[in-house]
Amino acid sequence: MEAPIGVIDSGVGGLTVVKEMLNRLPHEPIVYIGDDARCPYGPRPIDEVREFTMEMASALSEMGIKMLVIACNTATAVALDDIRARFSFPVIGVIVPGARAAVNASVAGKIAVLGTAGTIKSGAYNDAIHVLSPNAMVYSLACPEFVPIVESGQYKSDNAGIIVDRTLRELEGKDFDAAILGCTHYPLLQQHITTSLPNNVKIISSAVETVCDVERILLSKGIERIADSVVAPVFYTTGESETFQGIVEDWLSIEKPNVSYIEL
């Protein structure tokens, strides 16, 4: 099926999911919307996040997508059920895949969740983890400074490392052997996060597990693209396209990506 897969995020964070899709499903066309103008979603009221998520999903629906990936943990936590009820195409969130990967990775059943204020407040990861592992111990930590660092393109800077280290000190003394990057922006800070956590902690990004779910659903519904030619992804942003394009080029190693402004 030639129709594209839609991916939405509050900003550039969902590019971590796109990166894994390009590795695993290189023949699938992708259309991405990042709502950079209204990022971050974490501190926003639930109704607002739900409204913004619906606007992005509606825009992609009009473009004729065959599947939607909500590559934003905050949006997944508050809007997944509503989006699934509104549209007929399959809709995948990132929380259940991330929880599943962490439960599988943790030997001790003790898991830290790093996320936005909205995701942590929702308790969505706690719920998803405990469905899979009722006796798991979960330590949740809101990291409100992380998304602005990534959106500004400063995720490789020394200052980013200082902020990450300061934030993660809140977990000192906690006993866990897996940590979920519960925001798709956070893998861009993974080098700093790894440095700031104990060596035995496995860092879990939901992107890999999410794309496994995408592939499984494509095959089960018979909507995968059969052609073996590679189609370049298309990107839209509600914000400033130059910064967005720079992050796409750096993170996805795409020269002169197709980035356009979109008004929702």
Protein backbone atom coordinates (compact mmCIF):
# COMPACT_ATOMS: atom_id res chain seq x y z
CA MET A 1 0.00 0.00 0.00
CA GLU A 2 1.55 3.25 -1.18
CA ALA A 3 -0.09 5.54 1.41
CA PRO A 4 2.30 7.01 3.99
CA ILE A 5 2.62 6.40 7.70
CA GLY A 6 1.92 9.55 9.71
CA VAL A 7 4.04 10.47 12.73
CA ILE A 8 3.21 13.30 15.13
CA ASP A 9 5.03 14.86 18.05
CA SER A 10 5.04 18.03 20.11
CA GLY A 11 8.27 18.97 18.33
CA VAL A 12 11.41 17.20 17.15
CA GLY A 13 11.30 14.34 19.66
CA GLY A 14 9.42 12.02 17.35
CA LEU A 15 12.39 12.08 15.00
CA THR A 16 13.84 9.38 17.26
CA VAL A 17 10.98 7.13 16.14
CA VAL A 18 11.43 8.18 12.51
CA LYS A 19 15.12 7.28 12.75
CA GLU A 20 14.24 3.74 13.78
CA MET A 21 11.57 3.53 11.06
CA LEU A 22 14.13 4.54 8.44
CA ASN A 23 16.43 1.77 9.69
CA ARG A 24 13.81 -0.95 9.95
CA LEU A 25 11.21 0.05 7.34
CA PRO A 26 13.19 2.02 4.72
CA HIS A 27 10.63 1.46 1.96
CA GLU A 28 7.70 2.96 3.86
CA PRO A 29 6.82 6.60 3.07
CA ILE A 30 6.61 8.81 6.17
CA VAL A 31 4.91 12.14 6.77
CA TYR A 32 5.84 13.87 10.03
CA ILE A 33 4.31 16.83 11.86
CA GLY A 34 6.15 18.47 14.75
CA ASP A 35 4.16 21.07 16.70
CA ASP A 36 7.24 23.10 17.64
CA ALA A 37 5.28 26.35 17.92
CA ARG A 38 3.35 24.98 20.91
CA CYS A 39 6.05 22.72 22.38
CA PRO A 40 6.47 21.53 25.10
CA TYR A 41 3.23 19.69 25.77
CA GLY A 42 4.27 18.42 29.21
CA PRO A 43 3.21 21.50 31.24
CA ARG A 44 0.02 22.13 29.24
CA PRO A 45 -3.53 21.28 30.40
CA ILE A 46 -4.81 17.88 29.29
CA ASP A 47 -7.63 19.32 27.16
CA GLU A 48 -5.16 21.50 25.28
CA VAL A 49 -2.83 18.60 24.53
CA ARG A 50 -5.78 16.53 23.38
CA GLU A 51 -6.93 19.33 21.07
CA PHE A 52 -3.47 19.87 19.56
CA THR A 53 -2.99 16.14 19.01
CA MET A 54 -6.36 15.89 17.27
CA GLU A 55 -5.42 18.79 14.99
CA MET A 56 -2.23 17.05 13.86
CA ALA A 57 -4.00 13.72 13.38
CA SER A 58 -6.73 15.42 11.33
CA ALA A 59 -4.17 17.15 9.10
CA LEU A 60 -2.46 13.82 8.38
CA SER A 61 -5.79 12.10 7.82
CA GLU A 62 -6.51 14.62 5.08
CA MET A 63 -3.16 13.69 3.52
CA GLY A 64 -4.35 10.07 3.24
CA ILE A 65 -2.16 8.24 5.77
CA LYS A 66 -2.65 4.51 6.37
CA MET A 67 -1.40 4.48 9.98
CA LEU A 68 -0.61 7.02 12.69
CA VAL A 69 2.18 6.89 15.26
CA ILE A 70 1.72 9.27 18.19
CA ALA A 71 5.43 9.67 18.89
CA CYS A 72 4.85 11.88 21.92
CA ASN A 73 4.49 10.34 25.36
CA THR A 74 2.38 13.19 26.75
CA ALA A 75 0.00 13.07 23.78
CA THR A 76 -0.15 9.27 23.97
CA ALA A 77 -1.03 9.45 27.66
CA VAL A 78 -3.98 11.80 27.23
CA ALA A 79 -5.20 11.45 23.63
CA LEU A 80 -4.56 7.92 22.32
CA ASP A 81 -8.05 6.57 23.01
CA ASP A 82 -9.75 9.66 21.53
CA ILE A 83 -7.66 9.50 18.36
CA ARG A 84 -8.37 5.79 17.93
CA ALA A 85 -12.10 6.45 18.33
CA ARG A 86 -12.07 9.23 15.72
CA PHE A 87 -10.15 7.63 12.85
CA SER A 88 -10.38 4.30 11.04
CA PHE A 89 -6.64 3.77 10.44
CA PRO A 90 -4.48 2.02 13.06
CA VAL A 91 -3.10 4.35 15.75
CA ILE A 92 -0.03 3.43 17.82
CA GLY A 93 1.27 5.19 20.93
CA VAL A 94 4.72 4.93 22.50
CA ILE A 95 3.94 4.19 26.15
CA VAL A 96 2.94 0.50 26.06
CA PRO A 97 5.89 -0.42 23.80
CA GLY A 98 8.27 1.47 26.11
CA ALA A 99 6.85 -0.19 29.21
CA ARG A 100 7.10 -3.62 27.57
CA ALA A 101 10.73 -3.07 26.62
CA ALA A 102 11.61 -1.95 30.15
CA VAL A 103 9.88 -4.89 31.83
CA ASN A 104 11.75 -7.26 29.52
CA ALA A 105 15.08 -5.53 30.22
CA SER A 106 14.82 -5.23 34.00
CA VAL A 107 16.13 -8.22 35.93
CA ALA A 108 15.20 -6.82 39.34
CA GLY A 109 11.79 -5.48 38.33
CA LYS A 110 12.84 -1.98 39.41
CA ILE A 111 12.36 0.68 36.77
CA ALA A 112 12.88 4.45 36.62
CA VAL A 113 10.69 6.53 34.30
CA LEU A 114 12.01 9.84 33.04
CA GLY A 115 9.31 11.98 31.44
CA THR A 116 7.60 15.32 31.06
CA ALA A 117 5.48 16.68 33.87
CA GLY A 118 2.34 15.73 31.94
CA THR A 119 3.41 12.15 31.29
CA ILE A 120 4.53 11.59 34.88
CA LYS A 121 1.36 13.15 36.29
CA SER A 122 -0.81 10.91 34.10
CA GLY A 123 0.64 7.75 35.67
CA ALA A 124 0.42 6.12 32.24
CA TYR A 125 3.80 4.39 32.49
CA ASN A 126 3.10 3.13 36.01
CA ASP A 127 -0.16 1.64 34.80
CA ALA A 128 1.37 0.08 31.68
CA ILE A 129 4.29 -1.40 33.62
CA HIS A 130 2.07 -2.85 36.33
CA VAL A 131 -0.23 -4.49 33.80
CA LEU A 132 2.82 -6.38 32.52
CA SER A 133 4.58 -6.82 35.87
CA PRO A 134 2.26 -6.23 38.86
CA ASN A 135 5.07 -6.38 41.42
CA ALA A 136 7.41 -3.99 39.64
CA MET A 137 8.85 -1.04 41.56
CA VAL A 138 8.58 2.21 39.58
CA TYR A 139 10.41 5.45 40.29
CA SER A 140 9.01 8.36 38.28
CA LEU A 141 10.86 11.62 37.68
CA ALA A 142 9.64 14.68 35.78
CA CYS A 143 12.43 16.33 33.79
CA PRO A 144 10.92 19.64 32.60
CA GLU A 145 14.20 21.15 31.38
CA PHE A 146 15.02 18.36 28.93
CA VAL A 147 12.63 19.16 26.06
CA PRO A 148 13.62 22.85 25.76
CA ILE A 149 17.29 21.81 25.50
CA VAL A 150 16.51 19.50 22.59
CA GLU A 151 14.14 21.90 20.82
CA SER A 152 16.82 24.61 20.91
CA GLY A 153 19.30 22.24 19.26
CA GLN A 154 21.65 22.39 22.29
CA TYR A 155 21.41 18.70 23.18
CA LYS A 156 25.13 18.07 22.57
CA SER A 157 26.32 21.02 24.66
CA ASP A 158 28.18 20.94 27.97
CA ASN A 159 25.30 22.89 29.51
CA ALA A 160 22.92 20.10 28.53
CA GLY A 161 25.10 17.65 30.43
CA ILE A 162 25.05 19.88 33.51
CA ILE A 163 21.25 20.15 33.44
CA VAL A 164 20.79 16.40 32.91
CA ASP A 165 23.17 15.55 35.75
CA ARG A 166 21.48 18.00 38.12
CA THR A 167 18.03 16.65 37.29
CA LEU A 168 18.95 12.98 37.66
CA ARG A 169 20.47 13.51 41.09
CA GLU A 170 16.89 13.17 42.32
CA LEU A 171 17.26 9.44 41.69
CA GLU A 172 20.33 9.03 43.89
CA GLY A 173 19.78 6.28 46.42
CA LYS A 174 17.03 4.66 44.36
CA ASP A 175 17.65 1.04 43.35
CA PHE A 176 16.71 0.38 39.71
CA ASP A 177 18.30 -1.43 36.78
CA ALA A 178 16.32 0.01 33.85
CA ALA A 179 15.39 3.58 32.97
CA ILE A 180 12.73 4.46 30.40
CA LEU A 181 13.31 7.57 28.31
CA GLY A 182 9.63 8.44 28.65
CA CYS A 183 9.73 11.28 26.15
CA THR A 184 10.83 10.85 22.56
CA HIS A 185 13.01 13.96 22.87
CA TYR A 186 15.18 12.29 25.48
CA PRO A 187 17.18 9.90 23.24
CA LEU A 188 18.90 12.98 21.84
CA LEU A 189 20.23 13.46 25.39
CA GLN A 190 21.04 9.78 25.89
CA GLN A 191 24.80 10.25 26.04
CA HIS A 192 24.39 12.71 28.93
CA ILE A 193 21.78 10.53 30.62
CA THR A 194 23.97 7.44 30.40
CA THR A 195 26.86 9.34 31.98
CA SER A 196 24.66 10.53 34.86
CA LEU A 197 23.15 7.13 35.76
CA PRO A 198 24.86 4.08 37.31
CA ASN A 199 26.71 1.82 34.87
CA ASN A 200 24.38 -1.14 35.47
CA VAL A 201 21.24 0.73 34.38
CA LYS A 202 19.84 -0.21 30.97
CA ILE A 203 18.54 2.80 29.07
CA ILE A 204 15.24 2.08 27.32
CA SER A 205 13.96 4.10 24.37
CA SER A 206 10.44 3.28 23.26
CA ALA A 207 11.34 3.94 19.62
CA VAL A 208 12.68 0.47 18.78
CA GLU A 209 9.76 -1.36 20.38
CA THR A 210 7.23 1.04 18.83
CA VAL A 211 8.56 0.42 15.33
CA CYS A 212 8.37 -3.33 15.95
CA ASP A 213 4.65 -2.77 16.61
CA VAL A 214 4.35 -0.66 13.46
CA GLU A 215 5.88 -3.47 11.37
CA ARG A 216 3.68 -6.10 12.99
CA ILE A 217 0.49 -4.14 12.27
CA LEU A 218 1.51 -3.34 8.69
CA LEU A 219 1.97 -7.05 8.01
CA SER A 220 -1.11 -8.25 9.91
CA LYS A 221 -3.38 -5.81 8.07
CA GLY A 222 -1.70 -6.28 4.71
CA ILE A 223 -1.01 -2.55 4.30
CA GLU A 224 2.78 -2.67 3.97
CA ARG A 225 4.37 -1.08 0.91
CA ILE A 226 5.49 -3.76 -1.52
CA ALA A 227 7.79 -1.64 -3.70
CA ASP A 228 11.46 -1.77 -2.74
CA SER A 229 12.33 1.81 -3.73
CA VAL A 230 13.14 4.20 -0.88
CA VAL A 231 10.90 7.25 -0.47
CA ALA A 232 12.30 10.30 1.33
CA PRO A 233 10.29 11.33 4.39
CA VAL A 234 8.33 14.58 4.37
CA PHE A 235 8.42 16.87 7.40
CA TYR A 236 6.13 19.65 8.57
CA THR A 237 6.62 21.98 11.51
CA THR A 238 4.34 24.58 13.05
CA GLY A 239 7.41 26.49 14.21
CA GLU A 240 10.61 27.88 12.76
CA SER A 241 11.69 25.58 9.96
CA GLU A 242 15.42 26.39 9.94
CA THR A 243 16.09 25.04 13.45
CA PHE A 244 13.86 22.04 12.77
CA GLN A 245 15.70 21.30 9.52
CA GLY A 246 19.06 21.50 11.27
CA ILE A 247 18.02 18.89 13.83
CA VAL A 248 16.64 16.63 11.09
CA GLU A 249 19.94 16.87 9.23
CA ASP A 250 21.97 16.15 12.35
CA TRP A 251 19.87 13.39 13.92
CA LEU A 252 18.70 11.59 10.77
CA SER A 253 21.72 12.33 8.56
CA ILE A 254 19.46 13.52 5.75
CA GLU A 255 20.95 16.14 3.47
CA LYS A 256 18.51 18.93 2.55
CA PRO A 257 15.40 17.27 4.05
CA ASN A 258 11.96 18.21 2.78
CA VAL A 259 10.77 20.49 5.61
CA SER A 260 7.75 22.79 5.28
CA TYR A 261 5.74 25.02 7.58
CA ILE A 262 2.21 23.93 8.40
CA GLU A 263 -0.54 25.89 10.12
CA LEU A 264 -2.97 23.84 12.21
